[in-house]
Amino acid sequence: MEIKLLQGSPFRSLALASLACLLTAASAGASQPAREVPSVTVSYGDLNLSTTEGANALYQRIRLAADSVCGYQGRTLLERQLWMSCFNEAVERAVGAVGNPTLTSVHARTSRRSV
């Protein structure tokens, strides 16, 4: 799975975060050919990331995108754990790809609360 992060016009990519989803890794055997992974584009040219409000708004967009690309959460404990690993990895990599200190701070604060 990947989340494409776009700042400004939809044609200018600031960063591309290629996200390894544990759910995909667990379901794909080593002998299977590589599959195209789902992706979602997160635009944030309308946000001021130097403010907490702007960083919070982007963080929510990233979380929604991660939820979207990681798919169904599943019914069993194992399926839910795999989904949560995918979700957390997607969010972590997307935040890292943006490389904004305010967004990183929002992520650190939020992930501490959810542990």
C-alpha atoms as a PDB file:
ATOM      1  CA  MET A   1       0.000   0.000   0.000  1.00  0.00           C
ATOM      2  CA  GLU A   2       1.163   3.532  -0.480  1.00  0.00           C
ATOM      3  CA  ILE A   3      -0.052   6.965   0.438  1.00  0.00           C
ATOM      4  CA  LYS A   4       0.934   9.756  -1.909  1.00  0.00           C
ATOM      5  CA  LEU A   5       1.306  13.081  -0.151  1.00  0.00           C
ATOM      6  CA  LEU A   6       0.724  16.145  -2.273  1.00  0.00           C
ATOM      7  CA  GLN A   7       1.330  19.746  -1.371  1.00  0.00           C
ATOM      8  CA  GLY A   8       0.089  22.540  -3.593  1.00  0.00           C
ATOM      9  CA  SER A   9      -1.274  21.524  -6.961  1.00  0.00           C
ATOM     10  CA  PRO A  10      -2.401  17.943  -7.437  1.00  0.00           C
ATOM     11  CA  PHE A  11       0.379  17.506 -10.004  1.00  0.00           C
ATOM     12  CA  ARG A  12       3.298  18.280  -7.686  1.00  0.00           C
ATOM     13  CA  SER A  13       4.259  15.557  -5.300  1.00  0.00           C
ATOM     14  CA  LEU A  14       6.142  16.510  -2.159  1.00  0.00           C
ATOM     15  CA  ALA A  15       6.635  12.958  -1.045  1.00  0.00           C
ATOM     16  CA  LEU A  16       5.670   9.436  -1.886  1.00  0.00           C
ATOM     17  CA  ALA A  17       5.504   7.061   1.022  1.00  0.00           C
ATOM     18  CA  SER A  18       5.616   3.476  -0.030  1.00  0.00           C
ATOM     19  CA  LEU A  19       4.064   1.604   2.836  1.00  0.00           C
ATOM     20  CA  ALA A  20       4.660  -2.043   3.592  1.00  0.00           C
ATOM     21  CA  CYS A  21       1.431  -3.486   4.875  1.00  0.00           C
ATOM     22  CA  LEU A  22       1.868  -6.475   7.146  1.00  0.00           C
ATOM     23  CA  LEU A  23      -1.512  -7.793   6.056  1.00  0.00           C
ATOM     24  CA  THR A  24      -0.305  -7.924   2.451  1.00  0.00           C
ATOM     25  CA  ALA A  25       3.023  -9.405   3.500  1.00  0.00           C
ATOM     26  CA  ALA A  26       1.325 -12.067   5.584  1.00  0.00           C
ATOM     27  CA  SER A  27      -1.028 -13.093   2.814  1.00  0.00           C
ATOM     28  CA  ALA A  28       1.514 -13.073  -0.016  1.00  0.00           C
ATOM     29  CA  GLY A  29       3.936 -15.954  -0.269  1.00  0.00           C
ATOM     30  CA  ALA A  30       7.544 -15.431  -1.319  1.00  0.00           C
ATOM     31  CA  SER A  31       6.987 -17.344  -4.546  1.00  0.00           C
ATOM     32  CA  GLN A  32       4.033 -15.204  -5.639  1.00  0.00           C
ATOM     33  CA  PRO A  33       4.689 -12.349  -8.068  1.00  0.00           C
ATOM     34  CA  ALA A  34       4.568  -8.828  -6.698  1.00  0.00           C
ATOM     35  CA  ARG A  35       1.103  -7.322  -6.702  1.00  0.00           C
ATOM     36  CA  GLU A  36       0.155  -3.733  -7.173  1.00  0.00           C
ATOM     37  CA  VAL A  37      -0.662  -2.291  -3.800  1.00  0.00           C
ATOM     38  CA  PRO A  38      -3.523   0.108  -3.125  1.00  0.00           C
ATOM     39  CA  SER A  39      -2.703   3.778  -2.738  1.00  0.00           C
ATOM     40  CA  VAL A  40      -4.450   6.952  -1.792  1.00  0.00           C
ATOM     41  CA  THR A  41      -3.419  10.554  -2.368  1.00  0.00           C
ATOM     42  CA  VAL A  42      -3.460  12.935   0.574  1.00  0.00           C
ATOM     43  CA  SER A  43      -3.409  16.582  -0.481  1.00  0.00           C
ATOM     44  CA  TYR A  44      -2.442  19.251   2.019  1.00  0.00           C
ATOM     45  CA  GLY A  45      -1.581  22.353   0.043  1.00  0.00           C
ATOM     46  CA  ASP A  46      -4.513  24.078   1.717  1.00  0.00           C
ATOM     47  CA  LEU A  47      -3.056  23.555   5.207  1.00  0.00           C
ATOM     48  CA  ASN A  48      -0.529  25.603   7.156  1.00  0.00           C
ATOM     49  CA  LEU A  49       1.638  22.928   8.763  1.00  0.00           C
ATOM     50  CA  SER A  50       3.414  25.447  10.962  1.00  0.00           C
ATOM     51  CA  THR A  51       0.252  25.573  13.091  1.00  0.00           C
ATOM     52  CA  THR A  52      -1.064  22.824  15.335  1.00  0.00           C
ATOM     53  CA  GLU A  53      -4.464  23.136  13.658  1.00  0.00           C
ATOM     54  CA  GLY A  54      -2.998  22.534  10.205  1.00  0.00           C
ATOM     55  CA  ALA A  55      -0.879  19.613  11.405  1.00  0.00           C
ATOM     56  CA  ASN A  56      -3.895  18.097  13.194  1.00  0.00           C
ATOM     57  CA  ALA A  57      -5.955  18.371  10.016  1.00  0.00           C
ATOM     58  CA  LEU A  58      -3.263  16.632   7.943  1.00  0.00           C
ATOM     59  CA  TYR A  59      -2.837  13.970  10.613  1.00  0.00           C
ATOM     60  CA  GLN A  60      -6.547  13.169  10.432  1.00  0.00           C
ATOM     61  CA  ARG A  61      -6.324  12.950   6.635  1.00  0.00           C
ATOM     62  CA  ILE A  62      -3.359  10.578   6.926  1.00  0.00           C
ATOM     63  CA  ARG A  63      -5.245   8.376   9.414  1.00  0.00           C
ATOM     64  CA  LEU A  64      -8.296   8.245   7.130  1.00  0.00           C
ATOM     65  CA  ALA A  65      -6.069   7.332   4.186  1.00  0.00           C
ATOM     66  CA  ALA A  66      -4.337   4.593   6.200  1.00  0.00           C
ATOM     67  CA  ASP A  67      -7.721   3.235   7.243  1.00  0.00           C
ATOM     68  CA  SER A  68      -8.758   3.200   3.604  1.00  0.00           C
ATOM     69  CA  VAL A  69      -5.684   1.429   2.225  1.00  0.00           C
ATOM     70  CA  CYS A  70      -5.439  -1.135   5.022  1.00  0.00           C
ATOM     71  CA  GLY A  71      -8.937  -2.376   4.236  1.00  0.00           C
ATOM     72  CA  TYR A  72     -11.331  -4.374   6.355  1.00  0.00           C
ATOM     73  CA  GLN A  73     -10.295  -4.719  10.003  1.00  0.00           C
ATOM     74  CA  GLY A  74     -11.390  -8.332  10.178  1.00  0.00           C
ATOM     75  CA  ARG A  75     -13.266 -10.349  12.749  1.00  0.00           C
ATOM     76  CA  THR A  76     -10.612 -12.446  14.427  1.00  0.00           C
ATOM     77  CA  LEU A  77      -7.991 -11.167  16.824  1.00  0.00           C
ATOM     78  CA  LEU A  78      -5.233 -12.039  14.340  1.00  0.00           C
ATOM     79  CA  GLU A  79      -6.978 -10.155  11.509  1.00  0.00           C
ATOM     80  CA  ARG A  80      -7.421  -7.099  13.737  1.00  0.00           C
ATOM     81  CA  GLN A  81      -3.799  -7.224  14.880  1.00  0.00           C
ATOM     82  CA  LEU A  82      -2.626  -7.409  11.272  1.00  0.00           C
ATOM     83  CA  TRP A  83      -4.878  -4.487  10.354  1.00  0.00           C
ATOM     84  CA  MET A  84      -3.599  -2.420  13.285  1.00  0.00           C
ATOM     85  CA  SER A  85       0.005  -3.148  12.286  1.00  0.00           C
ATOM     86  CA  CYS A  86      -0.754  -2.051   8.725  1.00  0.00           C
ATOM     87  CA  PHE A  87      -2.528   1.097   9.942  1.00  0.00           C
ATOM     88  CA  ASN A  88       0.228   2.097  12.376  1.00  0.00           C
ATOM     89  CA  GLU A  89       2.956   1.472   9.795  1.00  0.00           C
ATOM     90  CA  ALA A  90       1.100   3.479   7.159  1.00  0.00           C
ATOM     91  CA  VAL A  91       0.613   6.449   9.483  1.00  0.00           C
ATOM     92  CA  GLU A  92       4.214   6.309  10.734  1.00  0.00           C
ATOM     93  CA  ARG A  93       5.683   6.256   7.231  1.00  0.00           C
ATOM     94  CA  ALA A  94       3.387   8.974   5.902  1.00  0.00           C
ATOM     95  CA  VAL A  95       4.236  11.281   8.811  1.00  0.00           C
ATOM     96  CA  GLY A  96       7.927  10.560   8.242  1.00  0.00           C
ATOM     97  CA  ALA A  97       7.616  11.270   4.519  1.00  0.00           C
ATOM     98  CA  VAL A  98       6.169  14.725   5.169  1.00  0.00           C
ATOM     99  CA  GLY A  99       9.038  15.522   7.518  1.00  0.00           C
ATOM    100  CA  ASN A 100       7.277  18.367   9.305  1.00  0.00           C
ATOM    101  CA  PRO A 101       8.172  18.909  12.985  1.00  0.00           C
ATOM    102  CA  THR A 102       4.658  20.055  13.954  1.00  0.00           C
ATOM    103  CA  LEU A 103       3.061  17.015  12.307  1.00  0.00           C
ATOM    104  CA  THR A 104       5.651  14.737  13.932  1.00  0.00           C
ATOM    105  CA  SER A 105       4.788  16.255  17.310  1.00  0.00           C
ATOM    106  CA  VAL A 106       1.054  15.694  16.755  1.00  0.00           C
ATOM    107  CA  HIS A 107       1.774  12.083  15.803  1.00  0.00           C
ATOM    108  CA  ALA A 108       3.992  11.490  18.844  1.00  0.00           C
ATOM    109  CA  ARG A 109       1.377  12.939  21.189  1.00  0.00           C
ATOM    110  CA  THR A 110      -1.453  10.943  19.621  1.00  0.00           C
ATOM    111  CA  SER A 111       0.395   7.636  19.458  1.00  0.00           C
ATOM    112  CA  ARG A 112       1.412   7.910  23.129  1.00  0.00           C
ATOM    113  CA  ARG A 113      -2.252   8.332  24.121  1.00  0.00           C
ATOM    114  CA  SER A 114      -3.379   5.320  22.096  1.00  0.00           C
ATOM    115  CA  VAL A 115      -0.810   2.926  23.613  1.00  0.00           C
END
